[in-house]
Amino acid sequence: MPRPVRNPPNPYLSRELEWLGPPPDARVEVHEETARRFLNRNDSPDVPFAWSGNPYRGCAHACAYCYARATHQYLDWGAGTDFDTKLVVKRNAPELLSRELAARGWTREWIVLSGNTDCYQPLEASYRLTRRCLDVARARANPVAVITKGALVARDVDVLADLARGPGARVVISVAFHDQDLARAVEPGAPSPATRFRALRALADAGVPCGVAFAPLIPGLNDDQIPGVLEAAKEAGAERAFLSMLRLPREVRDVFEERLDARLPGRKRKVLSAVADARAGQLRASEFGTRMRGSGPRWKLACDLFDLHARRLGMDGDEWASLRAAAPVQRELF
């Protein structure tokens, strides 16, 4: 089990403060663990990459819609405020990654950081685990993709640019809102959209291939934000874009509805009705292969709007094609 840290480092007192924004209102507990492995094999058809690794459990970005919330229950904690405030640090993540990439038979497939909780959440300013994992990948000449809302990713532009010039690197910035006030209501701990676009610009200027994820689409709440997000991302240097649908496992639905009531009073009924319209009358889809997309006219309308503006901006294309095309791996390695 993770052990609590009596005096954890405070990322909001670090020299990287300008990337992090204001500290959260809630008191954060930091726990450290010695993990047994770092890389995870993804078998779900909903996930377009084979290998991922997460240096942290829980996430201070506190996004109300985060599907990873349910995983905190494996630690006997809750999917609500526990997920936002009881954060776990895998202290030995870089050492594990170094060992796993050196394993006999490893074929230098793409690995994705993070895939679950954000690898550039504020604790990264103090622990620098993601930075050290990138250093390991550079030393092992292994390609890396990063998915994040954290503007702190721009701190590591040097190693990401080295990887991009060598084995390969790409960064996908997740932005679901163009309106800053709306974003703050639903994802209060994440950097503002404008801050994320500035980070994207810094990476693109350094030659790091970048994309934007409009994720998640929340029908009735942010479908009208699609054009603004894509235009700002293109201006910041994004080359590609993709869209994914809101996922509401039972535990996440409770958090999401509570946040709508607290921050966007009066909009819950409209949003939940629109989500159900885009999921054949249901609020969630649990079958593999359907969880990240919707169905029906409302979903098609959102996809058509997204495709129209992506094509207009020259951002169409498959963000993950090269990851799926990687060589087959010996699954017994890990």
Protein backbone atom coordinates (compact mmCIF):
# COMPACT_ATOMS: atom_id res chain seq x y z
CA MET A 1 0.00 0.00 0.00
CA PRO A 2 1.16 3.59 -0.57
CA ARG A 3 2.59 5.26 2.50
CA PRO A 4 1.64 8.84 3.41
CA VAL A 5 4.34 11.49 3.19
CA ARG A 6 4.52 13.58 6.34
CA ASN A 7 6.04 16.64 4.68
CA PRO A 8 5.44 16.34 0.93
CA PRO A 9 7.05 18.84 -1.44
CA ASN A 10 4.85 21.77 -2.39
CA PRO A 11 4.84 22.19 -6.19
CA TYR A 12 3.25 25.63 -5.82
CA LEU A 13 6.45 26.90 -4.22
CA SER A 14 8.64 25.61 -7.04
CA ARG A 15 10.43 27.57 -9.71
CA GLU A 16 7.85 26.23 -12.16
CA LEU A 17 5.00 28.12 -10.51
CA GLU A 18 4.15 30.05 -13.65
CA TRP A 19 3.08 26.81 -15.35
CA LEU A 20 0.91 25.57 -12.50
CA GLY A 21 -1.54 28.35 -11.72
CA PRO A 22 -3.05 28.97 -8.28
CA PRO A 23 -2.99 26.25 -5.60
CA PRO A 24 -6.15 24.18 -5.08
CA ASP A 25 -8.67 25.01 -2.37
CA ALA A 26 -8.59 21.50 -0.93
CA ARG A 27 -5.82 20.06 1.24
CA VAL A 28 -3.80 17.56 -0.76
CA GLU A 29 -2.34 14.39 0.75
CA VAL A 30 0.68 12.86 -0.96
CA HIS A 31 1.42 9.14 -0.70
CA GLU A 32 4.46 7.37 -2.11
CA GLU A 33 4.77 3.78 -3.26
CA THR A 34 7.35 1.44 -4.68
CA ALA A 35 5.66 0.06 -7.78
CA ARG A 36 6.29 -3.43 -9.14
CA ARG A 37 6.01 -2.45 -12.79
CA PHE A 38 5.53 0.67 -14.86
CA LEU A 39 4.41 -0.24 -18.37
CA ASN A 40 0.87 -1.52 -18.89
CA ARG A 41 -0.38 -3.46 -21.88
CA ASN A 42 -3.67 -2.09 -23.27
CA ASP A 43 -5.98 -4.67 -24.82
CA SER A 44 -9.11 -2.54 -25.05
CA PRO A 45 -10.26 -1.60 -28.57
CA ASP A 46 -11.26 1.77 -27.09
CA VAL A 47 -7.58 2.63 -26.56
CA PRO A 48 -5.56 3.30 -29.73
CA PHE A 49 -2.12 2.45 -28.31
CA ALA A 50 -0.54 -0.69 -26.93
CA TRP A 51 1.70 0.44 -24.06
CA SER A 52 1.27 3.15 -21.44
CA GLY A 53 2.72 4.18 -18.11
CA ASN A 54 1.46 6.41 -15.30
CA PRO A 55 3.85 7.96 -12.77
CA TYR A 56 0.96 9.13 -10.55
CA ARG A 57 -2.37 7.85 -9.25
CA GLY A 58 -5.15 10.33 -8.68
CA CYS A 59 -5.04 13.79 -10.22
CA ALA A 60 -5.13 17.31 -8.81
CA HIS A 61 -6.68 18.62 -12.03
CA ALA A 62 -9.97 17.47 -10.47
CA CYS A 63 -11.86 17.11 -13.76
CA ALA A 64 -15.43 16.13 -12.92
CA TYR A 65 -15.70 13.82 -15.93
CA CYS A 66 -12.45 11.86 -15.55
CA TYR A 67 -13.07 8.15 -16.21
CA ALA A 68 -9.95 7.26 -14.19
CA ARG A 69 -11.73 8.23 -10.97
CA ALA A 70 -13.08 4.71 -10.57
CA THR A 71 -9.53 3.28 -10.35
CA HIS A 72 -8.98 5.02 -7.02
CA GLN A 73 -11.37 2.53 -5.48
CA TYR A 74 -8.73 -0.16 -5.94
CA LEU A 75 -6.84 1.65 -3.18
CA ASP A 76 -9.95 1.62 -0.92
CA TRP A 77 -10.42 5.33 -1.54
CA GLY A 78 -13.29 7.16 -3.17
CA ALA A 79 -13.80 8.31 -6.75
CA GLY A 80 -14.79 11.81 -5.65
CA THR A 81 -12.65 14.18 -3.62
CA ASP A 82 -10.26 11.35 -2.68
CA PHE A 83 -9.24 11.13 -6.34
CA ASP A 84 -8.50 14.87 -6.39
CA THR A 85 -6.67 15.10 -3.07
CA LYS A 86 -5.14 11.70 -2.17
CA LEU A 87 -2.38 11.48 -4.72
CA VAL A 88 0.07 8.60 -5.10
CA VAL A 89 3.61 8.97 -6.43
CA LYS A 90 5.39 5.98 -7.97
CA ARG A 91 8.86 6.92 -6.74
CA ASN A 92 10.66 4.21 -8.73
CA ALA A 93 8.87 4.78 -12.06
CA PRO A 94 11.99 5.83 -14.03
CA GLU A 95 14.04 2.90 -12.73
CA LEU A 96 11.27 0.46 -13.62
CA LEU A 97 10.94 1.93 -17.10
CA SER A 98 14.68 1.65 -17.67
CA ARG A 99 14.59 -2.03 -16.72
CA GLU A 100 11.52 -2.75 -18.85
CA LEU A 101 12.91 -1.05 -21.95
CA ALA A 102 16.11 -3.06 -21.53
CA ALA A 103 14.23 -6.37 -21.40
CA ARG A 104 15.21 -8.99 -23.96
CA GLY A 105 12.76 -8.94 -26.83
CA TRP A 106 11.48 -5.39 -26.30
CA THR A 107 10.99 -3.97 -29.79
CA ARG A 108 11.02 -0.24 -29.03
CA GLU A 109 7.30 0.19 -29.48
CA TRP A 110 5.66 3.51 -28.77
CA ILE A 111 4.84 4.09 -25.12
CA VAL A 112 2.30 6.65 -23.98
CA LEU A 113 2.51 8.81 -20.88
CA SER A 114 0.04 8.71 -19.23
CA GLY A 115 -3.17 7.21 -20.58
CA ASN A 116 -4.89 7.27 -17.19
CA THR A 117 -4.03 10.07 -14.75
CA ASP A 118 -2.12 13.14 -15.93
CA CYS A 119 1.67 12.79 -15.99
CA TYR A 120 2.07 16.59 -15.84
CA GLN A 121 -0.18 17.34 -12.91
CA PRO A 122 1.29 19.77 -10.34
CA LEU A 123 3.24 17.16 -8.35
CA GLU A 124 5.47 16.69 -11.39
CA ALA A 125 7.00 20.10 -10.64
CA SER A 126 8.49 18.59 -7.48
CA TYR A 127 9.02 14.92 -8.29
CA ARG A 128 10.04 15.23 -11.96
CA LEU A 129 9.19 11.59 -12.61
CA THR A 130 7.82 12.24 -16.09
CA ARG A 131 10.95 14.19 -16.97
CA ARG A 132 13.12 11.31 -15.79
CA CYS A 133 11.02 8.79 -17.75
CA LEU A 134 11.56 10.87 -20.88
CA ASP A 135 15.30 10.86 -20.14
CA VAL A 136 15.17 7.06 -19.92
CA ALA A 137 13.35 6.83 -23.25
CA ARG A 138 15.91 9.12 -24.84
CA ALA A 139 18.78 7.01 -23.51
CA ARG A 140 17.09 3.83 -24.77
CA ALA A 141 16.12 5.41 -28.14
CA ASN A 142 12.46 4.56 -27.54
CA PRO A 143 9.61 6.63 -29.03
CA VAL A 144 7.22 8.34 -26.60
CA ALA A 145 3.83 10.01 -26.87
CA VAL A 146 2.42 12.25 -24.15
CA ILE A 147 -1.25 13.00 -23.44
CA THR A 148 -1.78 15.81 -20.96
CA LYS A 149 -3.70 18.87 -19.82
CA GLY A 150 -0.62 20.09 -17.97
CA ALA A 151 1.17 23.11 -19.39
CA LEU A 152 4.22 21.93 -17.44
CA VAL A 153 4.96 19.71 -20.45
CA ALA A 154 6.63 22.74 -22.06
CA ARG A 155 9.32 22.58 -19.37
CA ASP A 156 10.57 19.38 -21.02
CA VAL A 157 10.71 20.76 -24.53
CA ASP A 158 14.43 19.99 -24.76
CA VAL A 159 14.18 16.23 -24.22
CA LEU A 160 10.96 15.98 -26.24
CA ALA A 161 12.65 17.77 -29.16
CA ASP A 162 15.60 15.36 -28.92
CA LEU A 163 13.20 12.41 -29.03
CA ALA A 164 11.33 13.93 -31.96
CA ARG A 165 14.58 14.22 -33.92
CA GLY A 166 15.50 10.64 -33.00
CA PRO A 167 13.25 7.67 -32.27
CA GLY A 168 10.06 9.73 -32.22
CA ALA A 169 7.91 11.89 -29.95
CA ARG A 170 4.53 13.53 -30.06
CA VAL A 171 2.45 15.48 -27.58
CA VAL A 172 -1.33 15.64 -27.48
CA ILE A 173 -2.81 18.46 -25.41
CA SER A 174 -6.33 17.76 -24.19
CA VAL A 175 -8.64 20.79 -24.43
CA ALA A 176 -12.41 20.41 -24.13
CA PHE A 177 -13.35 24.07 -23.71
CA HIS A 178 -12.46 27.34 -25.35
CA ASP A 179 -14.31 29.37 -22.73
CA GLN A 180 -12.10 29.71 -19.65
CA ASP A 181 -14.96 30.15 -17.15
CA LEU A 182 -16.69 27.02 -18.39
CA ALA A 183 -13.44 25.08 -18.21
CA ARG A 184 -12.81 26.26 -14.65
CA ALA A 185 -16.26 25.05 -13.60
CA VAL A 186 -15.71 21.49 -14.83
CA GLU A 187 -11.92 21.04 -14.52
CA PRO A 188 -10.97 23.47 -11.72
CA GLY A 189 -7.43 22.23 -11.11
CA ALA A 190 -6.29 22.16 -14.74
CA PRO A 191 -4.42 25.02 -16.44
CA SER A 192 -6.60 27.41 -18.40
CA PRO A 193 -7.14 26.65 -22.09
CA ALA A 194 -5.04 29.70 -23.01
CA THR A 195 -2.14 28.40 -20.91
CA ARG A 196 -2.35 25.00 -22.60
CA PHE A 197 -2.28 26.61 -26.04
CA ARG A 198 0.86 28.56 -25.07
CA ALA A 199 2.52 25.29 -24.06
CA LEU A 200 1.50 23.74 -27.36
CA ARG A 201 3.04 26.68 -29.21
CA ALA A 202 6.36 26.26 -27.37
CA LEU A 203 6.49 22.57 -28.26
CA ALA A 204 5.53 23.06 -31.89
CA ASP A 205 8.13 25.82 -32.30
CA ALA A 206 10.77 23.37 -31.08
CA GLY A 207 9.81 20.81 -33.71
CA VAL A 208 7.79 18.47 -31.51
CA PRO A 209 4.79 17.05 -33.44
CA CYS A 210 1.67 18.15 -31.59
CA GLY A 211 -2.03 17.45 -31.69
CA VAL A 212 -5.12 18.42 -29.75
CA ALA A 213 -7.72 16.13 -28.20
CA PHE A 214 -11.21 17.55 -27.93
CA ALA A 215 -11.91 15.26 -25.03
CA PRO A 216 -14.37 14.65 -23.79
CA LEU A 217 -17.24 15.85 -25.91
CA ILE A 218 -20.05 16.64 -23.44
CA PRO A 219 -23.22 17.08 -25.49
CA GLY A 220 -25.26 20.05 -24.37
CA LEU A 221 -22.25 21.60 -22.64
CA ASN A 222 -19.26 21.94 -24.95
CA ASP A 223 -20.31 20.88 -28.47
CA ASP A 224 -20.46 24.56 -29.44
CA GLN A 225 -16.83 24.93 -28.29
CA ILE A 226 -15.45 22.71 -31.08
CA PRO A 227 -14.67 25.44 -33.65
CA GLY A 228 -12.94 27.70 -31.13
CA VAL A 229 -10.75 24.93 -29.72
CA LEU A 230 -9.68 23.70 -33.14
CA GLU A 231 -8.90 27.19 -34.42
CA ALA A 232 -6.82 28.06 -31.33
CA ALA A 233 -5.01 24.71 -31.50
CA LYS A 234 -4.17 25.18 -35.16
CA GLU A 235 -2.87 28.68 -34.49
CA ALA A 236 -0.70 27.23 -31.70
CA GLY A 237 0.85 24.65 -34.03
CA ALA A 238 -1.28 21.52 -33.67
CA GLU A 239 -1.05 19.29 -36.72
CA ARG A 240 -3.85 16.83 -35.96
CA ALA A 241 -6.93 16.55 -33.81
CA PHE A 242 -9.26 13.87 -32.51
CA LEU A 243 -12.56 13.71 -30.67
CA SER A 244 -13.81 11.35 -27.97
CA MET A 245 -17.10 11.03 -26.15
CA LEU A 246 -17.77 11.52 -22.44
CA ARG A 247 -17.64 8.32 -20.39
CA LEU A 248 -19.75 8.16 -17.25
CA PRO A 249 -19.14 5.04 -15.19
CA ARG A 250 -21.47 4.95 -12.21
CA GLU A 251 -19.00 6.47 -9.76
CA VAL A 252 -18.01 9.22 -12.19
CA ARG A 253 -21.62 10.09 -12.96
CA ASP A 254 -22.19 10.96 -9.29
CA VAL A 255 -19.22 13.33 -9.28
CA PHE A 256 -20.18 14.86 -12.62
CA GLU A 257 -23.77 15.53 -11.61
CA GLU A 258 -22.69 17.04 -8.30
CA ARG A 259 -20.28 19.38 -10.09
CA LEU A 260 -22.98 20.50 -12.52
CA ASP A 261 -25.27 21.29 -9.60
CA ALA A 262 -22.55 23.21 -7.78
CA ARG A 263 -20.90 25.13 -10.62
CA LEU A 264 -23.47 25.23 -13.42
CA PRO A 265 -26.86 25.26 -11.67
CA GLY A 266 -29.81 24.72 -13.92
CA ARG A 267 -27.86 22.99 -16.70
CA LYS A 268 -27.75 19.43 -15.39
CA ARG A 269 -31.04 18.24 -16.90
CA LYS A 270 -30.19 19.63 -20.33
CA VAL A 271 -26.69 18.13 -20.33
CA LEU A 272 -27.74 14.67 -19.14
CA SER A 273 -30.55 14.59 -21.68
CA ALA A 274 -28.12 15.52 -24.46
CA VAL A 275 -25.62 12.89 -23.33
CA ALA A 276 -28.35 10.25 -23.39
CA ASP A 277 -29.38 11.40 -26.88
CA ALA A 278 -25.80 10.75 -28.04
CA ARG A 279 -25.71 7.28 -26.43
CA ALA A 280 -28.94 5.67 -27.65
CA GLY A 281 -30.84 6.75 -24.55
CA GLN A 282 -28.17 5.68 -22.05
CA LEU A 283 -25.73 7.81 -20.04
CA ARG A 284 -22.88 5.36 -20.46
CA ALA A 285 -21.66 2.57 -22.67
CA SER A 286 -19.74 -0.25 -21.00
CA GLU A 287 -19.07 -2.49 -24.01
CA PHE A 288 -15.52 -2.57 -25.35
CA GLY A 289 -15.21 -0.65 -28.57
CA THR A 290 -18.08 1.76 -27.84
CA ARG A 291 -17.01 3.59 -24.70
CA MET A 292 -15.17 6.46 -26.38
CA ARG A 293 -17.78 7.25 -29.02
CA GLY A 294 -21.49 7.93 -29.19
CA SER A 295 -24.29 7.04 -31.57
CA GLY A 296 -27.35 8.55 -33.17
CA PRO A 297 -28.08 11.93 -34.77
CA ARG A 298 -26.68 14.08 -31.96
CA TRP A 299 -23.33 12.30 -32.01
CA LYS A 300 -23.19 12.44 -35.79
CA LEU A 301 -23.92 16.17 -35.74
CA ALA A 302 -21.00 16.77 -33.35
CA CYS A 303 -18.69 14.59 -35.43
CA ASP A 304 -19.70 16.37 -38.62
CA LEU A 305 -19.00 19.74 -37.00
CA PHE A 306 -15.62 18.51 -35.79
CA ASP A 307 -14.69 17.01 -39.17
CA LEU A 308 -15.77 20.13 -41.03
CA HIS A 309 -13.52 22.44 -39.03
CA ALA A 310 -10.64 19.96 -38.82
CA ARG A 311 -10.59 19.65 -42.61
CA ARG A 312 -10.94 23.41 -43.05
CA LEU A 313 -7.91 23.93 -40.83
CA GLY A 314 -5.90 21.10 -42.37
CA MET A 315 -5.92 19.08 -39.14
CA ASP A 316 -7.55 15.90 -40.37
CA GLY A 317 -5.66 12.62 -40.16
CA ASP A 318 -5.16 9.75 -37.77
CA GLU A 319 -3.21 10.91 -34.71
CA TRP A 320 -2.39 7.34 -33.64
CA ALA A 321 -1.66 5.56 -36.92
CA SER A 322 2.06 5.13 -36.28
CA LEU A 323 1.42 3.83 -32.77
CA ARG A 324 -0.95 1.12 -34.00
CA ALA A 325 1.47 0.21 -36.78
CA ALA A 326 4.26 -0.66 -34.33
CA ALA A 327 5.77 -4.13 -34.44
CA PRO A 328 4.07 -6.90 -32.43
CA VAL A 329 5.41 -7.40 -28.93
CA GLN A 330 6.03 -10.49 -26.82
CA ARG A 331 3.24 -10.14 -24.29
CA GLU A 332 4.92 -12.35 -21.71
CA LEU A 333 7.67 -9.80 -21.12
CA PHE A 334 5.80 -8.02 -18.34
